[in-house]
Amino acid sequence: KYVNSPETAIFQKSKLLYGFWKSKNPIRDVGSA
């Protein structure tokens, strides 16, 4: 159903959370993810 870019030094899906860059401040504000 999904196909990802190949893993590289800067793209490792086991380390990246989708949307974290947008949600990190609201996560801090609410106190949970």
Full PDB file with SEQRES, HELIX, SHEET, SSBOND, CRYST1, ORIGX, SCALE, CONECT and MASTER records, all heavy atoms in Angstrom:
SEQRES   1 A   33  LYS TYR VAL ASN SER PRO GLU THR ALA ILE PHE GLN LYS          
SEQRES   2 A   33  SER LYS LEU LEU TYR GLY PHE TRP LYS SER LYS ASN PRO          
SEQRES   3 A   33  ILE ARG ASP VAL GLY SER ALA                                  
HELIX    1 AA1 PHE A   20  VAL A   30  1                                  11    
CRYST1    1.000    1.000    1.000  90.00  90.00  90.00 P 1           1          
ORIGX1      1.000000  0.000000  0.000000        0.00000                         
ORIGX2      0.000000  1.000000  0.000000        0.00000                         
ORIGX3      0.000000  0.000000  1.000000        0.00000                         
SCALE1      1.000000  0.000000  0.000000        0.00000                         
SCALE2      0.000000  1.000000  0.000000        0.00000                         
SCALE3      0.000000  0.000000  1.000000        0.00000                         
ATOM      1  N   LYS A   1       0.831  -1.200   0.000  1.00  0.00           N  
ATOM      2  CA  LYS A   1       0.000   0.000   0.000  1.00  0.00           C  
ATOM      3  C   LYS A   1       0.872   1.259   0.000  1.00  0.00           C  
ATOM      4  O   LYS A   1       0.545   2.253  -0.621  1.00  0.00           O  
ATOM      5  CB  LYS A   1      -0.916   0.002   1.224  1.00  0.00           C  
ATOM      6  CG  LYS A   1      -1.951   1.112   1.203  1.00  0.00           C  
ATOM      7  CD  LYS A   1      -2.830   1.092   2.440  1.00  0.00           C  
ATOM      8  CE  LYS A   1      -3.868   0.023   2.313  1.00  0.00           C  
ATOM      9  NZ  LYS A   1      -4.879   0.084   3.368  1.00  0.00           N  
ATOM     10  N   TYR A   2       1.994   1.198   0.718  1.00  0.00           N  
ATOM     11  CA  TYR A   2       2.927   2.329   0.794  1.00  0.00           C  
ATOM     12  C   TYR A   2       4.287   1.925   0.248  1.00  0.00           C  
ATOM     13  O   TYR A   2       4.732   0.791   0.431  1.00  0.00           O  
ATOM     14  CB  TYR A   2       3.102   2.796   2.244  1.00  0.00           C  
ATOM     15  CG  TYR A   2       1.913   3.530   2.800  1.00  0.00           C  
ATOM     16  CD1 TYR A   2       0.902   2.852   3.465  1.00  0.00           C  
ATOM     17  CD2 TYR A   2       1.797   4.912   2.665  1.00  0.00           C  
ATOM     18  CE1 TYR A   2      -0.194   3.525   3.976  1.00  0.00           C  
ATOM     19  CE2 TYR A   2       0.712   5.590   3.173  1.00  0.00           C  
ATOM     20  CZ  TYR A   2      -0.282   4.898   3.828  1.00  0.00           C  
ATOM     21  OH  TYR A   2      -1.356   5.569   4.329  1.00  0.00           O  
ATOM     22  N   VAL A   3       4.959   2.869  -0.402  1.00  0.00           N  
ATOM     23  CA  VAL A   3       6.348   2.708  -0.835  1.00  0.00           C  
ATOM     24  C   VAL A   3       7.097   3.936  -0.334  1.00  0.00           C  
ATOM     25  O   VAL A   3       6.615   5.062  -0.466  1.00  0.00           O  
ATOM     26  CB  VAL A   3       6.454   2.614  -2.376  1.00  0.00           C  
ATOM     27  CG1 VAL A   3       7.902   2.653  -2.814  1.00  0.00           C  
ATOM     28  CG2 VAL A   3       5.789   1.356  -2.882  1.00  0.00           C  
ATOM     29  N   ASN A   4       8.262   3.712   0.247  1.00  0.00           N  
ATOM     30  CA  ASN A   4       9.073   4.803   0.793  1.00  0.00           C  
ATOM     31  C   ASN A   4      10.304   5.045  -0.059  1.00  0.00           C  
ATOM     32  O   ASN A   4      10.753   4.174  -0.798  1.00  0.00           O  
ATOM     33  CB  ASN A   4       9.519   4.463   2.219  1.00  0.00           C  
ATOM     34  CG  ASN A   4       8.372   4.357   3.168  1.00  0.00           C  
ATOM     35  OD1 ASN A   4       7.584   5.277   3.311  1.00  0.00           O  
ATOM     36  ND2 ASN A   4       8.253   3.217   3.820  1.00  0.00           N  
ATOM     37  N   SER A   5      10.886   6.232   0.126  1.00  0.00           N  
ATOM     38  CA  SER A   5      12.209   6.490  -0.430  1.00  0.00           C  
ATOM     39  C   SER A   5      13.167   5.443   0.132  1.00  0.00           C  
ATOM     40  O   SER A   5      12.965   4.937   1.234  1.00  0.00           O  
ATOM     41  CB  SER A   5      12.709   7.868   0.013  1.00  0.00           C  
ATOM     42  OG  SER A   5      11.937   8.892  -0.534  1.00  0.00           O  
ATOM     43  N   PRO A   6      14.233   5.150  -0.615  1.00  0.00           N  
ATOM     44  CA  PRO A   6      15.239   4.227  -0.065  1.00  0.00           C  
ATOM     45  C   PRO A   6      15.882   4.832   1.183  1.00  0.00           C  
ATOM     46  O   PRO A   6      15.974   6.048   1.322  1.00  0.00           O  
ATOM     47  CB  PRO A   6      16.271   4.117  -1.190  1.00  0.00           C  
ATOM     48  CG  PRO A   6      15.625   4.661  -2.408  1.00  0.00           C  
ATOM     49  CD  PRO A   6      14.551   5.600  -1.957  1.00  0.00           C  
ATOM     50  N   GLU A   7      16.307   3.968   2.081  1.00  0.00           N  
ATOM     51  CA  GLU A   7      16.994   4.421   3.292  1.00  0.00           C  
ATOM     52  C   GLU A   7      18.331   5.061   2.895  1.00  0.00           C  
ATOM     53  O   GLU A   7      19.026   4.565   2.005  1.00  0.00           O  
ATOM     54  CB  GLU A   7      17.243   3.245   4.230  1.00  0.00           C  
ATOM     55  CG  GLU A   7      15.983   2.607   4.762  1.00  0.00           C  
ATOM     56  CD  GLU A   7      15.548   3.125   6.120  1.00  0.00           C  
ATOM     57  OE1 GLU A   7      16.413   3.510   6.923  1.00  0.00           O  
ATOM     58  OE2 GLU A   7      14.335   3.136   6.362  1.00  0.00           O  
ATOM     59  N   THR A   8      18.633   6.187   3.541  1.00  0.00           N  
ATOM     60  CA  THR A   8      19.898   6.892   3.321  1.00  0.00           C  
ATOM     61  C   THR A   8      20.423   7.359   4.669  1.00  0.00           C  
ATOM     62  O   THR A   8      19.790   7.130   5.707  1.00  0.00           O  
ATOM     63  CB  THR A   8      19.699   8.131   2.413  1.00  0.00           C  
ATOM     64  OG1 THR A   8      18.895   9.097   3.124  1.00  0.00           O  
ATOM     65  CG2 THR A   8      19.048   7.770   1.091  1.00  0.00           C  
ATOM     66  N   ALA A   9      21.525   8.061   4.653  1.00  0.00           N  
ATOM     67  CA  ALA A   9      22.075   8.601   5.901  1.00  0.00           C  
ATOM     68  C   ALA A   9      21.115   9.594   6.553  1.00  0.00           C  
ATOM     69  O   ALA A   9      21.080   9.724   7.781  1.00  0.00           O  
ATOM     70  CB  ALA A   9      23.418   9.269   5.630  1.00  0.00           C  
ATOM     71  N   ILE A  10      20.291  10.299   5.742  1.00  0.00           N  
ATOM     72  CA  ILE A  10      19.370  11.285   6.320  1.00  0.00           C  
ATOM     73  C   ILE A  10      17.927  10.800   6.384  1.00  0.00           C  
ATOM     74  O   ILE A  10      17.107  11.414   7.045  1.00  0.00           O  
ATOM     75  CB  ILE A  10      19.425  12.638   5.564  1.00  0.00           C  
ATOM     76  CG1 ILE A  10      19.014  12.476   4.108  1.00  0.00           C  
ATOM     77  CG2 ILE A  10      20.789  13.272   5.709  1.00  0.00           C  
ATOM     78  CD1 ILE A  10      18.813  13.784   3.383  1.00  0.00           C  
ATOM     79  N   PHE A  11      17.608   9.702   5.710  1.00  0.00           N  
ATOM     80  CA  PHE A  11      16.260   9.147   5.775  1.00  0.00           C  
ATOM     81  C   PHE A  11      16.306   7.723   6.313  1.00  0.00           C  
ATOM     82  O   PHE A  11      16.669   6.783   5.609  1.00  0.00           O  
ATOM     83  CB  PHE A  11      15.574   9.158   4.408  1.00  0.00           C  
ATOM     84  CG  PHE A  11      14.216   8.488   4.441  1.00  0.00           C  
ATOM     85  CD1 PHE A  11      13.177   9.049   5.161  1.00  0.00           C  
ATOM     86  CD2 PHE A  11      13.994   7.302   3.766  1.00  0.00           C  
ATOM     87  CE1 PHE A  11      11.932   8.420   5.210  1.00  0.00           C  
ATOM     88  CE2 PHE A  11      12.752   6.680   3.803  1.00  0.00           C  
ATOM     89  CZ  PHE A  11      11.719   7.240   4.536  1.00  0.00           C  
ATOM     90  N   GLN A  12      15.964   7.614   7.591  1.00  0.00           N  
ATOM     91  CA  GLN A  12      15.875   6.314   8.252  1.00  0.00           C  
ATOM     92  C   GLN A  12      14.545   6.287   8.980  1.00  0.00           C  
ATOM     93  O   GLN A  12      14.376   6.925  10.025  1.00  0.00           O  
ATOM     94  CB  GLN A  12      17.038   6.124   9.212  1.00  0.00           C  
ATOM     95  CG  GLN A  12      18.374   6.111   8.515  1.00  0.00           C  
ATOM     96  CD  GLN A  12      19.542   6.131   9.470  1.00  0.00           C  
ATOM     97  OE1 GLN A  12      19.395   5.915  10.664  1.00  0.00           O  
ATOM     98  NE2 GLN A  12      20.716   6.405   8.948  1.00  0.00           N  
ATOM     99  N   LYS A  13      13.573   5.558   8.398  1.00  0.00           N  
ATOM    100  CA  LYS A  13      12.215   5.632   8.928  1.00  0.00           C  
ATOM    101  C   LYS A  13      12.095   5.077  10.342  1.00  0.00           C  
ATOM    102  O   LYS A  13      11.175   5.434  11.051  1.00  0.00           O  
ATOM    103  CB  LYS A  13      11.208   4.988   7.989  1.00  0.00           C  
ATOM    104  CG  LYS A  13      11.342   3.520   7.774  1.00  0.00           C  
ATOM    105  CD  LYS A  13      10.309   3.039   6.776  1.00  0.00           C  
ATOM    106  CE  LYS A  13      10.413   1.543   6.601  1.00  0.00           C  
ATOM    107  NZ  LYS A  13       9.350   1.012   5.816  1.00  0.00           N  
ATOM    108  N   SER A  14      13.057   4.284  10.781  1.00  0.00           N  
ATOM    109  CA  SER A  14      13.019   3.794  12.153  1.00  0.00           C  
ATOM    110  C   SER A  14      13.411   4.877  13.160  1.00  0.00           C  
ATOM    111  O   SER A  14      13.260   4.690  14.361  1.00  0.00           O  
ATOM    112  CB  SER A  14      13.944   2.589  12.316  1.00  0.00           C  
ATOM    113  OG  SER A  14      15.283   2.972  12.104  1.00  0.00           O  
ATOM    114  N   LYS A  15      13.883   6.027  12.640  1.00  0.00           N  
ATOM    115  CA  LYS A  15      14.264   7.142  13.516  1.00  0.00           C  
ATOM    116  C   LYS A  15      13.336   8.343  13.376  1.00  0.00           C  
ATOM    117  O   LYS A  15      13.341   9.224  14.232  1.00  0.00           O  
ATOM    118  CB  LYS A  15      15.697   7.587  13.216  1.00  0.00           C  
ATOM    119  CG  LYS A  15      16.731   6.553  13.566  1.00  0.00           C  
ATOM    120  CD  LYS A  15      18.127   7.068  13.302  1.00  0.00           C  
ATOM    121  CE  LYS A  15      19.141   6.017  13.692  1.00  0.00           C  
ATOM    122  NZ  LYS A  15      20.522   6.471  13.515  1.00  0.00           N  
ATOM    123  N   LEU A  16      12.554   8.397  12.287  1.00  0.00           N  
ATOM    124  CA  LEU A  16      11.719   9.567  12.009  1.00  0.00           C  
ATOM    125  C   LEU A  16      10.253   9.311  12.337  1.00  0.00           C  
ATOM    126  O   LEU A  16       9.712   8.281  11.969  1.00  0.00           O  
ATOM    127  CB  LEU A  16      11.831   9.959  10.534  1.00  0.00           C  
ATOM    128  CG  LEU A  16      13.201  10.422  10.062  1.00  0.00           C  
ATOM    129  CD1 LEU A  16      13.228  10.509   8.551  1.00  0.00           C  
ATOM    130  CD2 LEU A  16      13.552  11.750  10.691  1.00  0.00           C  
ATOM    131  N   LEU A  17       9.644  10.265  12.986  1.00  0.00           N  
ATOM    132  CA  LEU A  17       8.210  10.224  13.241  1.00  0.00           C  
ATOM    133  C   LEU A  17       7.535  11.209  12.301  1.00  0.00           C  
ATOM    134  O   LEU A  17       7.915  12.389  12.248  1.00  0.00           O  
ATOM    135  CB  LEU A  17       7.893  10.588  14.690  1.00  0.00           C  
ATOM    136  CG  LEU A  17       8.252   9.504  15.704  1.00  0.00           C  
ATOM    137  CD1 LEU A  17       8.332  10.088  17.096  1.00  0.00           C  
ATOM    138  CD2 LEU A  17       7.248   8.368  15.642  1.00  0.00           C  
ATOM    139  N   TYR A  18       6.557  10.734  11.566  1.00  0.00           N  
ATOM    140  CA  TYR A  18       5.861  11.588  10.608  1.00  0.00           C  
ATOM    141  C   TYR A  18       5.098  12.677  11.362  1.00  0.00           C  
ATOM    142  O   TYR A  18       4.328  12.389  12.269  1.00  0.00           O  
ATOM    143  CB  TYR A  18       4.902  10.760   9.756  1.00  0.00           C  
ATOM    144  CG  TYR A  18       4.312  11.557   8.621  1.00  0.00           C  
ATOM    145  CD1 TYR A  18       5.052  11.805   7.474  1.00  0.00           C  
ATOM    146  CD2 TYR A  18       3.036  12.081   8.706  1.00  0.00           C  
ATOM    147  CE1 TYR A  18       4.529  12.540   6.433  1.00  0.00           C  
ATOM    148  CE2 TYR A  18       2.502  12.819   7.668  1.00  0.00           C  
ATOM    149  CZ  TYR A  18       3.249  13.048   6.535  1.00  0.00           C  
ATOM    150  OH  TYR A  18       2.725  13.791   5.505  1.00  0.00           O  
ATOM    151  N   GLY A  19       5.357  13.916  10.998  1.00  0.00           N  
ATOM    152  CA  GLY A  19       4.666  15.063  11.590  1.00  0.00           C  
ATOM    153  C   GLY A  19       5.277  15.602  12.865  1.00  0.00           C  
ATOM    154  O   GLY A  19       4.799  16.597  13.408  1.00  0.00           O  
ATOM    155  N   PHE A  20       6.358  14.976  13.351  1.00  0.00           N  
ATOM    156  CA  PHE A  20       6.936  15.426  14.624  1.00  0.00           C  
ATOM    157  C   PHE A  20       7.389  16.880  14.565  1.00  0.00           C  
ATOM    158  O   PHE A  20       7.219  17.631  15.519  1.00  0.00           O  
ATOM    159  CB  PHE A  20       8.096  14.515  15.040  1.00  0.00           C  
ATOM    160  CG  PHE A  20       8.666  14.847  16.396  1.00  0.00           C  
ATOM    161  CD1 PHE A  20       7.891  14.734  17.530  1.00  0.00           C  
ATOM    162  CD2 PHE A  20       9.976  15.272  16.529  1.00  0.00           C  
ATOM    163  CE1 PHE A  20       8.407  15.035  18.786  1.00  0.00           C  
ATOM    164  CE2 PHE A  20      10.505  15.573  17.769  1.00  0.00           C  
ATOM    165  CZ  PHE A  20       9.716  15.459  18.898  1.00  0.00           C  
ATOM    166  N   TRP A  21       7.928  17.288  13.447  1.00  0.00           N  
ATOM    167  CA  TRP A  21       8.401  18.671  13.327  1.00  0.00           C  
ATOM    168  C   TRP A  21       7.254  19.660  13.507  1.00  0.00           C  
ATOM    169  O   TRP A  21       7.459  20.772  13.996  1.00  0.00           O  
ATOM    170  CB  TRP A  21       9.134  18.883  12.005  1.00  0.00           C  
ATOM    171  CG  TRP A  21       8.246  18.939  10.804  1.00  0.00           C  
ATOM    172  CD1 TRP A  21       7.655  17.902  10.151  1.00  0.00           C  
ATOM    173  CD2 TRP A  21       7.831  20.115  10.115  1.00  0.00           C  
ATOM    174  NE1 TRP A  21       6.910  18.356   9.097  1.00  0.00           N  
ATOM    175  CE2 TRP A  21       7.001  19.720   9.049  1.00  0.00           C  
ATOM    176  CE3 TRP A  21       8.080  21.478  10.289  1.00  0.00           C  
ATOM    177  CZ2 TRP A  21       6.417  20.615   8.179  1.00  0.00           C  
ATOM    178  CZ3 TRP A  21       7.506  22.361   9.403  1.00  0.00           C  
ATOM    179  CH2 TRP A  21       6.680  21.941   8.362  1.00  0.00           C  
ATOM    180  N   LYS A  22       6.028  19.276  13.114  1.00  0.00           N  
ATOM    181  CA  LYS A  22       4.852  20.149  13.273  1.00  0.00           C  
ATOM    182  C   LYS A  22       4.230  20.019  14.656  1.00  0.00           C  
ATOM    183  O   LYS A  22       3.620  20.961  15.157  1.00  0.00           O  
ATOM    184  CB  LYS A  22       3.772  19.773  12.251  1.00  0.00           C  
ATOM    185  CG  LYS A  22       3.948  20.363  10.905  1.00  0.00           C  
ATOM    186  CD  LYS A  22       3.563  21.798  10.943  1.00  0.00           C  
ATOM    187  CE  LYS A  22       3.021  22.266   9.629  1.00  0.00           C  
ATOM    188  NZ  LYS A  22       3.031  23.697   9.519  1.00  0.00           N  
ATOM    189  N   SER A  23       4.354  18.849  15.253  1.00  0.00           N  
ATOM    190  CA  SER A  23       3.611  18.535  16.468  1.00  0.00           C  
ATOM    191  C   SER A  23       4.406  18.636  17.756  1.00  0.00           C  
ATOM    192  O   SER A  23       3.834  18.538  18.836  1.00  0.00           O  
ATOM    193  CB  SER A  23       3.034  17.118  16.353  1.00  0.00           C  
ATOM    194  OG  SER A  23       2.167  17.019  15.253  1.00  0.00           O  
ATOM    195  N   LYS A  24       5.716  18.830  17.675  1.00  0.00           N  
ATOM    196  CA  LYS A  24       6.499  18.780  18.913  1.00  0.00           C  
ATOM    197  C   LYS A  24       6.104  19.857  19.927  1.00  0.00           C  
ATOM    198  O   LYS A  24       6.042  19.576  21.124  1.00  0.00           O  
ATOM    199  CB  LYS A  24       8.000  18.800  18.626  1.00  0.00           C  
ATOM    200  CG  LYS A  24       8.522  20.006  17.914  1.00  0.00           C  
ATOM    201  CD  LYS A  24       9.995  19.830  17.559  1.00  0.00           C  
ATOM    202  CE  LYS A  24      10.431  20.953  16.662  1.00  0.00           C  
ATOM    203  NZ  LYS A  24      11.786  20.763  16.165  1.00  0.00           N  
ATOM    204  N   ASN A  25       5.796  21.065  19.472  1.00  0.00           N  
ATOM    205  CA  ASN A  25       5.369  22.089  20.436  1.00  0.00           C  
ATOM    206  C   ASN A  25       3.993  21.797  21.021  1.00  0.00           C  
ATOM    207  O   ASN A  25       3.821  21.901  22.243  1.00  0.00           O  
ATOM    208  CB  ASN A  25       5.437  23.482  19.807  1.00  0.00           C  
ATOM    209  CG  ASN A  25       6.875  23.933  19.600  1.00  0.00           C  
ATOM    210  OD1 ASN A  25       7.777  23.535  20.335  1.00  0.00           O  
ATOM    211  ND2 ASN A  25       7.103  24.746  18.592  1.00  0.00           N  
ATOM    212  N   PRO A  26       2.992  21.412  20.216  1.00  0.00           N  
ATOM    213  CA  PRO A  26       1.713  21.004  20.818  1.00  0.00           C  
ATOM    214  C   PRO A  26       1.852  19.802  21.762  1.00  0.00           C  
ATOM    215  O   PRO A  26       1.145  19.732  22.775  1.00  0.00           O  
ATOM    216  CB  PRO A  26       0.834  20.661  19.614  1.00  0.00           C  
ATOM    217  CG  PRO A  26       1.374  21.512  18.513  1.00  0.00           C  
ATOM    218  CD  PRO A  26       2.865  21.543  18.755  1.00  0.00           C  
ATOM    219  N   ILE A  27       2.763  18.883  21.461  1.00  0.00           N  
ATOM    220  CA  ILE A  27       2.987  17.749  22.361  1.00  0.00           C  
ATOM    221  C   ILE A  27       3.476  18.261  23.710  1.00  0.00           C  
ATOM    222  O   ILE A  27       2.993  17.837  24.765  1.00  0.00           O  
ATOM    223  CB  ILE A  27       3.997  16.747  21.752  1.00  0.00           C  
ATOM    224  CG1 ILE A  27       3.348  15.993  20.589  1.00  0.00           C  
ATOM    225  CG2 ILE A  27       4.524  15.780  22.802  1.00  0.00           C  
ATOM    226  CD1 ILE A  27       4.323  15.174  19.754  1.00  0.00           C  
ATOM    227  N   ARG A  28       4.404  19.208  23.690  1.00  0.00           N  
ATOM    228  CA  ARG A  28       4.891  19.799  24.946  1.00  0.00           C  
ATOM    229  C   ARG A  28       3.763  20.517  25.678  1.00  0.00           C  
ATOM    230  O   ARG A  28       3.624  20.394  26.903  1.00  0.00           O  
ATOM    231  CB  ARG A  28       6.026  20.785  24.663  1.00  0.00           C  
ATOM    232  CG  ARG A  28       7.323  20.148  24.321  1.00  0.00           C  
ATOM    233  CD  ARG A  28       8.438  21.188  24.172  1.00  0.00           C  
ATOM    234  NE  ARG A  28       9.635  20.557  23.680  1.00  0.00           N  
ATOM    235  CZ  ARG A  28      10.105  20.682  22.449  1.00  0.00           C  
ATOM    236  NH1 ARG A  28       9.508  21.451  21.565  1.00  0.00           N  
ATOM    237  NH2 ARG A  28      11.189  20.051  22.079  1.00  0.00           N  
ATOM    238  N   ASP A  29       2.958  21.271  24.924  1.00  0.00           N  
ATOM    239  CA  ASP A  29       1.863  22.030  25.536  1.00  0.00           C  
ATOM    240  C   ASP A  29       0.824  21.121  26.191  1.00  0.00           C  
ATOM    241  O   ASP A  29       0.375  21.382  27.309  1.00  0.00           O  
ATOM    242  CB  ASP A  29       1.164  22.914  24.494  1.00  0.00           C  
ATOM    243  CG  ASP A  29       2.071  24.002  23.940  1.00  0.00           C  
ATOM    244  OD1 ASP A  29       3.121  24.297  24.567  1.00  0.00           O  
ATOM    245  OD2 ASP A  29       1.736  24.555  22.870  1.00  0.00           O  
ATOM    246  N   VAL A  30       0.440  20.054  25.494  1.00  0.00           N  
ATOM    247  CA  VAL A  30      -0.588  19.129  25.999  1.00  0.00           C  
ATOM    248  C   VAL A  30       0.002  18.179  27.040  1.00  0.00           C  
ATOM    249  O   VAL A  30      -0.701  17.740  27.943  1.00  0.00           O  
ATOM    250  CB  VAL A  30      -1.221  18.338  24.826  1.00  0.00           C  
ATOM    251  CG1 VAL A  30      -2.152  17.253  25.309  1.00  0.00           C  
ATOM    252  CG2 VAL A  30      -1.951  19.276  23.881  1.00  0.00           C  
ATOM    253  N   GLY A  31       1.273  17.858  26.902  1.00  0.00           N  
ATOM    254  CA  GLY A  31       1.924  16.959  27.847  1.00  0.00           C  
ATOM    255  C   GLY A  31       1.885  15.503  27.433  1.00  0.00           C  
ATOM    256  O   GLY A  31       2.277  14.625  28.204  1.00  0.00           O  
ATOM    257  N   SER A  32       1.414  15.228  26.219  1.00  0.00           N  
ATOM    258  CA  SER A  32       1.406  13.854  25.726  1.00  0.00           C  
ATOM    259  C   SER A  32       1.398  13.858  24.201  1.00  0.00           C  
ATOM    260  O   SER A  32       1.026  14.846  23.574  1.00  0.00           O  
ATOM    261  CB  SER A  32       0.192  13.082  26.238  1.00  0.00           C  
ATOM    262  OG  SER A  32      -0.994  13.602  25.679  1.00  0.00           O  
ATOM    263  N   ALA A  33       1.800  12.716  23.636  1.00  0.00           N  
ATOM    264  CA  ALA A  33       1.778  12.531  22.190  1.00  0.00           C  
ATOM    265  C   ALA A  33       0.714  11.494  21.858  1.00  0.00           C  
ATOM    266  O   ALA A  33       0.606  10.463  22.523  1.00  0.00           O  
ATOM    267  CB  ALA A  33       3.136  12.059  21.684  1.00  0.00           C  
TER     268      ALA A  33                                                      
MASTER        0    0    0    1    0    0    0    6  267    1    0    3          
END                                                                             
